Protein backbone atom coordinates (compact mmCIF):
# COMPACT_ATOMS: atom_id res chain seq x y z
CA MET A 1 112.06 98.50 97.63
CA SER A 2 114.10 97.00 94.91
CA GLU A 3 117.31 94.88 95.36
CA GLU A 4 119.51 98.04 93.89
CA GLN A 5 117.77 100.31 96.81
CA GLN A 6 117.93 97.88 99.52
CA ASN A 7 121.59 97.11 98.58
CA SER A 8 122.20 100.88 98.63
CA ASN A 9 120.46 101.47 102.11
CA THR A 10 122.25 98.51 103.46
CA ASN A 11 125.78 100.27 101.80
CA ASN A 12 125.08 103.49 103.30
CA SER A 13 124.56 102.29 107.06
CA LYS A 14 127.26 100.91 106.89
CA PHE A 15 129.15 103.44 106.00
CA LEU A 16 127.10 106.14 108.30
CA LYS A 17 127.96 102.75 111.05
CA GLY A 18 131.89 103.65 110.92
CA THR A 19 131.69 107.38 111.00
CA MET A 20 129.89 107.00 114.04
CA ILE A 21 131.90 104.87 115.64
CA LEU A 22 135.44 106.48 114.35
CA THR A 23 133.62 109.59 116.09
CA ILE A 24 132.51 108.44 119.34
CA SER A 25 136.42 107.03 119.70
CA SER A 26 137.38 110.67 118.36
CA ILE A 27 135.42 111.95 121.24
CA ILE A 28 136.99 109.53 124.03
CA VAL A 29 140.29 110.06 122.69
CA LYS A 30 140.21 113.70 122.80
CA VAL A 31 138.46 113.75 126.70
CA ILE A 32 141.15 111.41 127.69
CA GLY A 33 144.28 113.99 126.10
CA SER A 34 142.58 116.77 127.58
CA LEU A 35 142.56 115.20 131.22
CA ASN A 36 146.23 114.09 130.40
CA TRP A 37 147.62 117.03 129.86
CA ILE A 38 146.18 118.59 132.67
CA ILE A 39 147.51 116.12 135.17
CA LEU A 40 151.35 116.06 132.93
CA SER A 41 151.44 119.98 133.33
CA ARG A 42 151.43 119.49 136.82
CA VAL A 43 153.87 116.48 137.17
CA LEU A 44 156.43 117.88 134.88
CA GLY A 45 155.97 122.14 135.02
CA GLY A 46 156.21 124.69 132.22
CA GLU A 47 160.44 123.43 131.72
CA GLY A 48 159.31 119.59 132.11
CA ILE A 49 156.77 120.02 129.18
CA GLY A 50 158.66 121.88 126.77
CA LEU A 51 161.65 119.29 126.97
CA TYR A 52 158.60 116.76 126.83
CA GLN A 53 157.69 118.57 123.30
CA MET A 54 161.04 119.44 121.84
CA GLY A 55 161.47 115.70 120.15
CA PHE A 56 157.82 115.63 119.17
CA PRO A 57 158.05 117.98 116.19
CA ILE A 58 160.98 115.14 114.91
CA TYR A 59 158.90 112.48 115.95
CA LEU A 60 155.46 113.46 113.77
CA MET A 61 157.86 114.26 111.04
CA ALA A 62 159.34 110.78 110.96
CA ILE A 63 156.35 109.17 111.06
CA THR A 64 154.55 111.49 108.51
CA VAL A 65 157.03 110.25 105.98
CA SER A 66 157.29 106.62 107.13
CA SER A 67 153.50 105.99 106.93
CA ALA A 68 151.12 108.96 106.59
CA GLY A 69 148.53 107.56 103.40
CA VAL A 70 149.74 104.27 103.48
CA PRO A 71 146.38 103.13 105.35
CA VAL A 72 144.76 105.52 103.07
CA ALA A 73 146.29 103.96 99.94
CA ILE A 74 145.66 99.83 101.44
CA SER A 75 142.24 100.67 102.04
CA ILE A 76 141.49 102.35 98.78
CA ILE A 77 143.50 99.34 97.03
CA THR A 78 141.63 96.43 99.95
CA SER A 79 138.56 98.17 98.58
CA GLU A 80 138.66 97.36 95.59
CA LYS A 81 140.16 94.01 95.23
CA LEU A 82 136.93 93.10 97.55
CA ALA A 83 134.64 94.38 95.36
CA ASN A 84 135.69 92.24 92.58
CA LYS A 85 135.82 89.05 95.78
CA ASP A 86 139.62 89.07 95.11
CA TYR A 87 139.82 88.10 98.61
CA ARG A 88 143.52 86.57 97.68
CA GLY A 89 144.64 89.37 96.33
CA ALA A 90 143.35 91.73 99.10
CA LYS A 91 145.65 89.34 101.52
CA ARG A 92 148.67 89.69 98.92
CA VAL A 93 147.80 93.91 99.31
CA PHE A 94 147.91 93.77 103.39
CA ASN A 95 151.84 90.82 103.36
CA VAL A 96 153.12 93.22 100.65
CA SER A 97 152.57 96.57 102.69
CA LEU A 98 153.45 94.77 105.96
CA ARG A 99 156.85 93.98 104.75
CA LEU A 100 157.35 97.25 103.29
CA LEU A 101 156.30 99.42 106.36
CA LEU A 102 158.23 96.89 108.55
CA VAL A 103 161.37 97.69 107.06
CA SER A 104 160.37 101.80 106.94
CA GLY A 105 159.41 101.25 110.50
CA LEU A 106 162.99 99.72 111.52
CA LEU A 107 164.54 102.74 109.46
CA PHE A 108 163.23 105.73 110.44
CA SER A 109 162.97 104.41 114.33
CA SER A 110 166.58 103.51 113.71
CA ALA A 111 167.40 106.97 112.34
CA LEU A 112 165.59 108.65 115.34
CA PHE A 113 167.19 106.99 117.91
CA PHE A 114 170.73 107.35 116.63
CA GLY A 115 170.29 111.11 115.30
CA ALA A 116 169.62 112.30 118.19
CA ASP A 117 172.98 113.23 119.26
CA PHE A 118 173.28 114.67 116.10
CA LEU A 119 170.15 116.76 116.44
CA ILE A 120 171.53 118.38 119.79
CA ASN A 121 175.33 118.32 118.83
CA GLN A 122 173.60 120.48 115.59
CA HIS A 123 171.25 122.51 117.69
CA ILE A 124 168.15 121.59 115.63
CA ILE A 125 167.55 120.98 119.01
CA ARG A 126 168.67 124.04 121.56
CA ASP A 127 168.58 121.72 124.71
CA SER A 128 170.44 119.10 125.53
CA ARG A 129 168.74 117.65 128.13
CA ALA A 130 165.70 116.83 125.57
CA TYR A 131 167.90 113.78 124.39
CA TYR A 132 166.24 111.25 126.90
CA SER A 133 162.76 112.57 125.43
CA ILE A 134 164.03 112.35 120.87
CA ILE A 135 165.36 108.51 121.87
CA ALA A 136 162.59 107.65 124.27
CA LEU A 137 160.32 108.30 121.08
CA ALA A 138 162.30 106.31 118.94
CA PRO A 139 160.14 103.01 119.38
CA ALA A 140 157.40 104.59 118.64
CA VAL A 141 157.87 105.21 115.17
CA PHE A 142 158.73 101.82 114.12
CA PHE A 143 155.15 100.45 115.80
CA VAL A 144 153.11 103.61 113.99
CA THR A 145 154.63 102.70 111.15
CA PHE A 146 154.05 98.82 111.43
CA LEU A 147 150.27 99.41 112.54
CA ALA A 148 149.66 101.50 109.74
CA SER A 149 149.25 98.34 107.49
CA PHE A 150 146.67 96.55 109.84
CA ARG A 151 144.30 99.40 110.11
CA GLY A 152 144.43 99.99 106.18
CA TYR A 153 143.48 96.61 106.00
CA LEU A 154 140.94 96.54 108.13
CA GLN A 155 139.59 99.53 107.13
CA GLY A 156 139.55 98.30 103.62
CA TRP A 157 137.50 95.87 104.56
CA GLN A 158 135.06 98.88 105.93
CA ILE A 159 135.24 97.12 109.30
CA MET A 160 135.88 100.60 111.90
CA THR A 161 135.59 98.72 115.19
CA PRO A 162 139.38 97.85 114.85
CA THR A 163 140.33 101.55 113.95
CA ALA A 164 138.53 102.88 116.66
CA THR A 165 139.16 100.24 119.45
CA SER A 166 143.27 100.84 118.97
CA GLU A 167 142.74 104.21 119.11
CA VAL A 168 141.12 104.67 122.15
CA VAL A 169 143.25 101.74 123.78
CA GLU A 170 146.61 103.41 122.47
CA GLN A 171 145.48 106.74 124.06
CA LEU A 172 144.38 104.89 126.99
CA VAL A 173 148.02 103.20 127.34
CA ARG A 174 149.99 106.33 126.85
CA VAL A 175 148.67 108.39 129.19
CA ILE A 176 149.35 106.37 131.61
CA THR A 177 152.29 105.02 130.94
CA MET A 178 153.12 109.47 130.45
CA LEU A 179 151.72 109.90 134.05
CA VAL A 180 153.42 106.89 135.78
CA PHE A 181 156.98 106.69 134.22
CA ALA A 182 157.30 110.85 134.73
CA ASP A 183 156.60 110.52 138.39
CA LEU A 184 158.84 107.73 138.36
CA PHE A 185 161.93 109.20 137.03
CA MET A 186 161.11 113.05 138.29
CA PRO A 187 163.92 111.88 141.56
CA TYR A 188 166.38 111.56 138.69
CA GLY A 189 165.92 115.18 137.52
CA LEU A 190 163.16 116.79 134.96
CA ALA A 191 165.64 115.43 131.66
CA TYR A 192 164.80 112.02 132.79
CA ALA A 193 161.08 112.58 133.31
CA ALA A 194 160.55 113.82 130.25
CA GLY A 195 162.20 110.87 128.26
CA GLY A 196 159.68 108.90 130.57
CA ALA A 197 156.82 110.95 129.90
CA SER A 198 157.69 110.32 126.05
CA MET A 199 158.09 106.35 126.69
CA GLY A 200 154.02 106.76 126.53
CA ALA A 201 153.96 106.99 122.83
CA GLY A 202 155.63 103.81 122.06
CA ALA A 203 153.86 101.90 124.84
CA GLY A 204 150.68 102.88 123.62
CA ALA A 205 151.30 102.11 120.18
CA PHE A 206 152.98 98.68 120.81
CA CYS A 207 149.21 97.71 122.18
CA ALA A 208 147.44 99.53 119.35
CA LEU A 209 149.14 97.23 117.22
CA LEU A 210 148.46 94.05 119.45
CA VAL A 211 144.92 95.10 119.32
CA LEU A 212 144.58 95.30 115.71
CA MET A 213 146.52 91.66 115.47
CA TRP A 214 143.87 90.30 117.51
CA PHE A 215 141.41 91.95 114.89
CA TYR A 216 143.51 90.43 112.17
CA ARG A 217 143.52 87.10 113.60
CA ARG A 218 140.05 86.98 113.71
CA LEU A 219 138.82 88.03 109.96
CA LYS A 220 141.44 85.92 108.32
CA ARG A 221 139.89 82.70 110.33
CA ARG A 222 136.68 83.65 109.18
CA LEU A 223 137.93 83.86 105.55
CA HIS A 224 140.20 81.19 104.71
CA ALA A 225 137.32 79.13 103.40
CA GLU A 226 136.46 81.81 100.81
CA ILE A 227 140.03 82.57 100.12
CA GLU A 228 140.33 78.72 99.84
CA ALA A 229 137.57 78.74 97.42
CA GLN A 230 138.70 81.66 95.12
CA ASP A 231 139.07 81.15 91.50
CA ASP A 232 142.65 80.73 90.42
CA SER A 233 141.66 82.72 87.12
CA ILE A 234 141.39 86.11 88.67
CA PRO A 235 145.35 87.41 88.09
CA GLN A 236 147.52 88.24 90.93
CA GLU A 237 149.10 91.51 90.73
CA SER A 238 153.29 91.20 91.64
CA ALA A 239 154.79 92.60 94.79
CA GLY A 240 156.22 95.52 92.29
CA HIS A 241 153.34 96.57 90.66
CA ILE A 242 151.50 96.48 94.32
CA ILE A 243 154.08 98.29 96.29
CA LYS A 244 154.14 101.22 93.32
CA ARG A 245 150.19 101.42 93.25
CA LEU A 246 150.71 101.84 97.34
CA LEU A 247 153.46 104.89 96.82
CA LYS A 248 151.02 106.39 94.20
CA LEU A 249 148.16 106.73 96.67
CA ALA A 250 150.06 107.03 99.38
CA LEU A 251 152.47 110.19 98.53
CA PRO A 252 150.31 112.52 97.68
CA VAL A 253 148.37 111.70 101.31
CA SER A 254 151.62 111.96 103.21
CA LEU A 255 152.19 115.40 101.14
CA THR A 256 148.46 116.55 102.36
CA SER A 257 149.22 115.54 106.11
CA LEU A 258 152.55 117.57 106.17
CA MET A 259 150.90 120.70 104.62
CA LEU A 260 149.46 121.08 108.04
CA PRO A 261 152.60 121.77 110.00
CA ILE A 262 153.92 123.75 107.10
CA GLY A 263 150.53 125.55 107.31
CA ALA A 264 150.67 126.24 111.33
CA ASN A 265 155.05 127.40 110.89
CA LEU A 266 153.54 130.42 108.15
CA ASP A 267 151.50 131.31 111.09
CA LEU A 268 153.88 131.12 113.21
CA LEU A 269 156.32 133.33 110.88
CA ILE A 270 153.58 135.85 109.01
CA VAL A 271 150.64 136.68 111.61
CA PRO A 272 152.90 138.03 114.83
CA GLN A 273 155.07 139.55 112.69
CA ARG A 274 152.03 141.50 110.90
CA LEU A 275 150.24 141.91 114.48
CA GLU A 276 152.95 144.39 115.15
CA VAL A 277 152.63 146.20 111.88
CA ALA A 278 149.12 146.66 113.10
CA GLY A 279 150.12 148.76 115.72
CA PHE A 280 150.23 145.64 118.60
CA ASN A 281 153.46 145.48 120.88
CA VAL A 282 155.64 142.26 121.31
CA ARG A 283 153.58 140.57 123.83
CA HIS A 284 149.99 141.81 122.80
CA ALA A 285 150.81 140.05 119.34
CA THR A 286 151.81 136.79 121.29
CA GLU A 287 148.72 137.13 122.77
CA LEU A 288 146.41 137.25 119.81
CA PHE A 289 148.39 134.98 118.19
CA GLY A 290 147.68 132.21 120.98
CA TYR A 291 144.19 133.40 120.83
CA LEU A 292 144.00 132.32 116.86
CA THR A 293 145.99 129.00 116.96
CA GLY A 294 145.91 127.44 120.58
CA MET A 295 142.03 128.65 121.29
CA ALA A 296 139.98 129.15 118.29
CA VAL A 297 141.62 126.33 116.04
CA PRO A 298 141.18 123.64 118.37
CA LEU A 299 137.39 124.66 118.44
CA VAL A 300 137.18 123.71 114.79
CA ASN A 301 139.23 121.16 114.97
CA LEU A 302 136.68 119.85 117.67
CA ALA A 303 133.41 120.95 116.15
CA THR A 304 134.42 118.77 112.58
CA ILE A 305 135.87 115.74 114.56
CA PHE A 306 132.52 113.85 112.89
CA THR A 307 133.11 115.26 109.57
CA ALA A 308 137.13 113.85 110.05
CA ALA A 309 135.76 110.30 110.94
CA MET A 310 133.12 110.51 107.92
CA THR A 311 136.42 110.85 106.10
CA ILE A 312 137.79 107.61 106.81
CA SER A 313 134.59 105.83 106.59
CA LEU A 314 134.36 107.42 102.91
CA VAL A 315 137.31 106.55 101.30
CA PRO A 316 137.02 103.12 101.34
CA SER A 317 132.85 102.89 100.49
CA ILE A 318 133.79 105.19 97.15
CA SER A 319 136.88 103.01 96.31
CA GLU A 320 134.34 99.73 96.12
CA SER A 321 131.44 101.74 94.15
CA ARG A 322 134.50 102.34 91.83
CA ALA A 323 135.56 99.21 91.31
CA LEU A 324 132.33 97.80 90.44
CA GLU A 325 131.28 100.79 88.10
CA ARG A 326 128.58 101.90 90.25
CA PHE A 327 128.32 105.91 89.19
CA ASP A 328 125.17 106.08 90.80
CA ALA A 329 125.99 104.13 94.22
CA ILE A 330 128.93 107.15 94.56
CA ARG A 331 126.77 110.06 93.40
CA ASP A 332 124.23 109.15 96.40
CA LYS A 333 126.99 108.13 98.26
CA ILE A 334 128.36 111.97 97.86
CA ARG A 335 124.94 112.94 98.29
CA LEU A 336 124.17 111.31 101.98
CA ALA A 337 127.74 112.28 103.31
CA PHE A 338 127.54 116.28 102.20
CA ARG A 339 123.80 116.12 103.61
CA VAL A 340 124.84 114.33 106.79
CA ALA A 341 128.13 116.75 106.93
CA MET A 342 125.76 120.01 106.42
CA ILE A 343 122.99 118.86 109.22
CA ILE A 344 126.39 118.91 111.73
CA THR A 345 128.05 121.71 110.40
CA PHE A 346 125.58 124.53 110.29
CA PRO A 347 124.48 123.94 114.09
CA CYS A 348 128.24 123.97 115.12
CA PHE A 349 128.87 127.07 112.95
CA MET A 350 126.11 129.08 114.41
CA GLY A 351 126.18 127.75 117.82
CA LEU A 352 130.29 128.66 118.37
CA PHE A 353 129.54 132.40 116.43
CA PHE A 354 126.85 133.09 119.16
CA LEU A 355 128.36 131.89 122.10
CA ALA A 356 132.03 132.65 121.10
CA GLU A 357 132.39 135.22 123.98
CA LYS A 358 130.82 132.92 126.50
CA VAL A 359 132.74 130.15 125.48
CA ALA A 360 136.00 132.04 125.41
CA ALA A 361 135.25 133.03 128.90
CA LEU A 362 134.14 130.00 130.00
CA ILE A 363 136.93 127.16 128.40
CA TYR A 364 139.83 129.68 128.57
CA ASN A 365 139.50 132.43 130.76
CA ALA A 366 140.00 134.41 128.01
CA PRO A 367 137.09 136.65 127.03
CA GLY A 368 139.77 138.70 124.30
CA ALA A 369 139.34 135.49 121.96
CA ALA A 370 135.86 135.70 121.29
CA GLY A 371 136.81 137.79 118.13
CA ALA A 372 138.72 134.57 116.71
CA ILE A 373 136.59 132.31 117.77
CA GLN A 374 133.83 134.36 116.19
CA THR A 375 135.55 134.62 112.86
CA MET A 376 136.82 131.17 112.96
CA SER A 377 133.64 129.84 113.68
CA VAL A 378 132.25 130.11 109.63
CA GLY A 379 135.45 127.75 109.06
CA ILE A 380 133.86 125.09 110.87
CA LEU A 381 131.53 124.59 107.22
CA PHE A 382 134.58 125.17 105.12
CA LEU A 383 136.46 122.52 106.66
CA GLY A 384 133.96 119.97 107.19
CA MET A 385 133.06 120.44 103.68
CA HIS A 386 137.46 120.13 102.83
CA GLN A 387 137.36 116.99 104.72
CA ILE A 388 134.61 115.33 103.06
CA SER A 389 135.62 116.48 99.76
CA THR A 390 138.99 115.41 99.99
CA GLY A 391 138.27 111.89 101.33
CA ILE A 392 135.56 111.47 98.08
CA LEU A 393 138.71 112.39 95.79
CA GLN A 394 140.88 109.85 97.45
CA GLY A 395 138.09 107.14 97.02
CA LEU A 396 138.15 108.03 93.01
CA GLY A 397 142.07 107.39 93.53
CA LYS A 398 142.48 111.17 92.85
CA THR A 399 144.84 111.50 95.92
CA ALA A 400 147.23 113.28 94.05
CA ILE A 401 143.92 116.32 93.65
CA PRO A 402 143.52 117.47 97.29
CA VAL A 403 147.20 118.04 98.04
CA ILE A 404 147.55 120.49 95.03
CA ASN A 405 144.35 122.12 95.83
CA MET A 406 145.60 122.95 99.47
CA ILE A 407 148.71 124.02 97.93
CA LEU A 408 146.57 126.25 96.17
CA ALA A 409 144.85 127.51 99.14
CA CYS A 410 147.99 127.99 101.44
CA VAL A 411 149.49 130.42 98.54
CA VAL A 412 145.44 132.40 99.15
CA LYS A 413 146.04 132.35 102.78
CA VAL A 414 149.92 133.79 103.35
CA VAL A 415 148.52 136.59 100.38
CA MET A 416 145.66 137.14 102.91
CA SER A 417 147.00 136.91 106.11
CA TRP A 418 149.98 139.44 104.98
CA TRP A 419 147.42 141.66 103.95
CA LEU A 420 144.40 141.50 106.35
CA THR A 421 146.38 141.04 109.75
CA ALA A 422 148.39 144.01 109.24
CA ILE A 423 144.80 146.43 109.03
CA PRO A 424 144.96 147.83 112.52
CA PHE A 425 140.97 147.36 113.21
CA LEU A 426 141.26 143.41 111.95
CA GLY A 427 143.93 142.73 113.57
CA ILE A 428 143.85 138.87 114.76
CA LYS A 429 140.09 138.70 113.19
CA GLY A 430 141.89 139.01 109.65
CA ALA A 431 144.40 136.21 110.51
CA SER A 432 141.30 134.15 111.28
CA MET A 433 139.46 135.29 107.63
CA ALA A 434 142.78 133.96 106.00
CA THR A 435 142.82 130.45 107.52
CA VAL A 436 138.96 130.76 106.71
CA ALA A 437 139.61 131.10 103.36
CA ASP A 438 141.89 128.49 103.24
CA PHE A 439 139.64 126.13 104.27
CA ALA A 440 137.45 127.73 101.54
CA VAL A 441 139.25 127.91 98.85
CA ALA A 442 140.52 124.58 98.91
CA ALA A 443 137.25 122.83 99.40
CA ILE A 444 135.93 124.71 96.72
CA ILE A 445 138.35 123.24 93.95
CA ASN A 446 137.65 120.29 95.36
CA MET A 447 134.25 120.59 94.39
CA GLY A 448 135.17 121.81 90.78
CA PHE A 449 137.41 118.57 90.45
CA ILE A 450 134.32 116.03 92.51
CA TYR A 451 131.82 117.62 89.74
CA LYS A 452 134.14 116.96 86.63
CA TYR A 453 134.91 113.06 87.94
CA THR A 454 131.15 112.36 89.11
CA GLY A 455 128.41 115.23 87.69
CA PHE A 456 127.65 115.84 91.36
CA THR A 457 126.46 119.10 92.78
CA PHE A 458 124.82 120.88 95.61
CA SER A 459 121.26 120.95 95.62
CA MET A 460 119.48 124.45 96.95
CA GLY A 461 117.75 122.29 99.36
CA SER A 462 120.65 120.31 101.20
CA LEU A 463 122.01 124.32 101.69
CA LEU A 464 119.30 125.97 102.90
CA LYS A 465 117.06 123.80 104.85
CA PRO A 466 119.90 123.28 107.48
CA LEU A 467 121.04 126.88 107.08
CA LEU A 468 117.32 127.96 108.01
CA ALA A 469 117.17 125.68 110.85
CA SER A 470 120.72 126.63 112.28
CA GLY A 471 119.53 130.61 111.87
CA VAL A 472 116.41 129.83 113.79
CA MET A 473 118.52 128.50 116.27
CA GLY A 474 121.01 131.09 116.41
CA ALA A 475 118.31 133.32 116.95
CA VAL A 476 116.57 130.90 120.01
CA ILE A 477 120.62 131.01 121.51
CA TYR A 478 120.91 135.24 120.96
CA MET A 479 117.21 135.52 123.33
CA VAL A 480 117.72 132.92 126.16
CA LEU A 481 121.62 134.91 126.41
CA SER A 482 119.98 138.22 126.30
CA PHE A 483 116.91 136.40 128.61
CA THR A 484 119.11 134.75 131.46
CA GLU A 485 122.65 137.19 131.36
CA GLN A 486 121.91 137.33 135.09
CA PHE A 487 123.03 133.71 135.80
CA GLY A 488 126.77 133.99 134.62
CA MET A 489 128.48 131.22 133.05
CA TRP A 490 124.86 129.26 133.54
CA CYS A 491 123.29 131.13 130.83
CA VAL A 492 125.65 128.56 128.37
CA LEU A 493 124.16 125.79 129.35
CA PHE A 494 120.80 127.40 129.16
CA ALA A 495 121.37 128.36 125.50
CA MET A 496 122.71 125.36 124.54
CA ALA A 497 119.81 123.02 126.18
CA ALA A 498 117.22 125.26 124.45
CA ALA A 499 118.97 125.27 121.05
CA VAL A 500 119.46 121.01 120.68
CA PRO A 501 115.83 120.50 120.70
CA THR A 502 115.18 124.10 118.60
CA TYR A 503 117.50 122.84 115.12
CA ALA A 504 115.48 119.41 115.14
CA LEU A 505 112.46 120.59 115.62
CA ALA A 506 112.89 123.45 113.19
CA LEU A 507 115.28 121.16 110.47
CA ILE A 508 111.96 118.90 110.54
CA ALA A 509 109.50 121.77 109.77
CA PHE A 510 111.97 122.71 106.77
CA GLY A 511 111.84 118.82 105.59
CA GLY A 512 115.89 118.67 106.46
CA LEU A 513 115.52 115.19 107.81
CA SER A 514 113.01 112.51 106.79
CA LYS A 515 112.29 109.46 108.17
CA GLU A 516 114.41 107.99 105.59
CA ASP A 517 117.41 109.65 106.88
CA LEU A 518 116.77 108.25 110.20
CA ASP A 519 116.47 105.06 109.22
CA ASN A 520 119.92 105.47 107.55
CA ILE A 521 121.42 106.33 111.22
CA PRO A 522 123.00 103.67 112.66
CA PHE A 523 122.61 102.97 116.45
CA ILE A 524 120.30 105.96 117.40
CA GLY A 525 117.83 106.70 114.19
CA ARG A 526 115.91 104.24 114.74
CA ARG A 527 115.07 105.37 118.26
CA ILE A 528 114.75 108.86 117.71
CA LEU A 529 112.53 108.24 114.91
CA ALA A 530 110.08 105.84 117.37
CA VAL A 531 110.44 108.54 119.78
CA GLY A 532 109.58 111.19 116.95
CA GLN A 533 106.23 109.23 115.76
CA ARG A 534 104.99 109.04 119.09
CA PHE A 535 104.81 112.98 119.02
CA GLY A 536 103.14 112.34 114.96
CA LEU A 537 106.30 113.34 113.36
CA PHE A 538 107.40 111.50 110.38
CA LYS A 539 104.01 109.72 109.32
């Protein structure tokens, strides 16, 4: 194996290792969050949860404007500097961004704290009791904004453990603080209890910041000698130029983050109204809307945890290769990212498609949600593709392109949702189709730009092999469900137990998983390879 191939394999392994670490942390965070909602709902009740939630849209808007997109921008510029051995330049990017976000965090945190009265008095927040929830969230704006510098800088080094660890610590401390203070303040009234729960966001962000600072200090000590030994002839960017580059890269990413709540609000305005046009009464329309936004969409997001994590890991990896003008390495990373994404998302789509009715009944106790879930299952493929393609374009420094494509896709979604949802025999399935089309249009346009800038195109094999293996898996799920229906919800476990080995064996049989693929997968790849070789596979 040539030195170039060895470096490529090492970089791919590092990139996938970062993805695995972030995926595991995301799963842990979601599990902790789910348990928290169950307990907090019992402590606060529906009314208390409502007060707690009233401040969150303002809080999310504040952190989106103050810091969203900044970690991506910092990681892109940092990885470029490191690729060219400009350690002093990378450190300077971090120092400038830290000061910038310190000011930004203080500004927006203060605005939320002192503007709480205004939000109440102007009836932007309808219930005055939410005041305490709003002011309790103000410190979190500062800490979340400030820690964005540390996350972006460490991600630029392609070190994902700090981000993963800080996210888990943040969620754990947040949940504990929420529950403790909600219970502690409950004797003083529901408004104070909701405010106490809101304090968890600040406590969690503060502890996450401490974790990131600890990782940063370790990295700083290790690199001190390299920074001192760096060639002084490397020109250093001015602070103004760095800020300009950060803003140019970060603002489009922030707009991308804003598109998510905008899309949700458009659904709120369009879907229930068009369901009523289709002949559903108000109560039924509300129920159907809940099936889509509260049940189907979260399942799709859960199924794309891996591709969302891969996006974070992919940005600095692509940026590094771009800085070194290694275009073959860029195409290799793109090919690997999409191949792994297909291997993961195809079986998730097929499994959710066949298990939609059972999952709706088992998890939500709402069999009526099966239609929306089944239709949305196709969205797993396109959302995964959209996430990966967005990360690639951001790594290429084209951060404005994904947000423009999202706006175009959102227009398509609005038109389709307005038209399809009002068709009586479609109803909420029509809204689900529009959401899938939203993901698909954004992903396909992104792919066009990736081809333009890198020349990468899909091979039919990368699509057909996981599709065929997933088809075999789907057939097995259907048969298992048919033969085990008398066991009630246990048939879901039987189907899943049969689905996983079926898909793995089918994928190997169709040539969709090779020895080289497993060699590149960190932690578990070589163990799976060793087991497979005992049974005569991967020779």
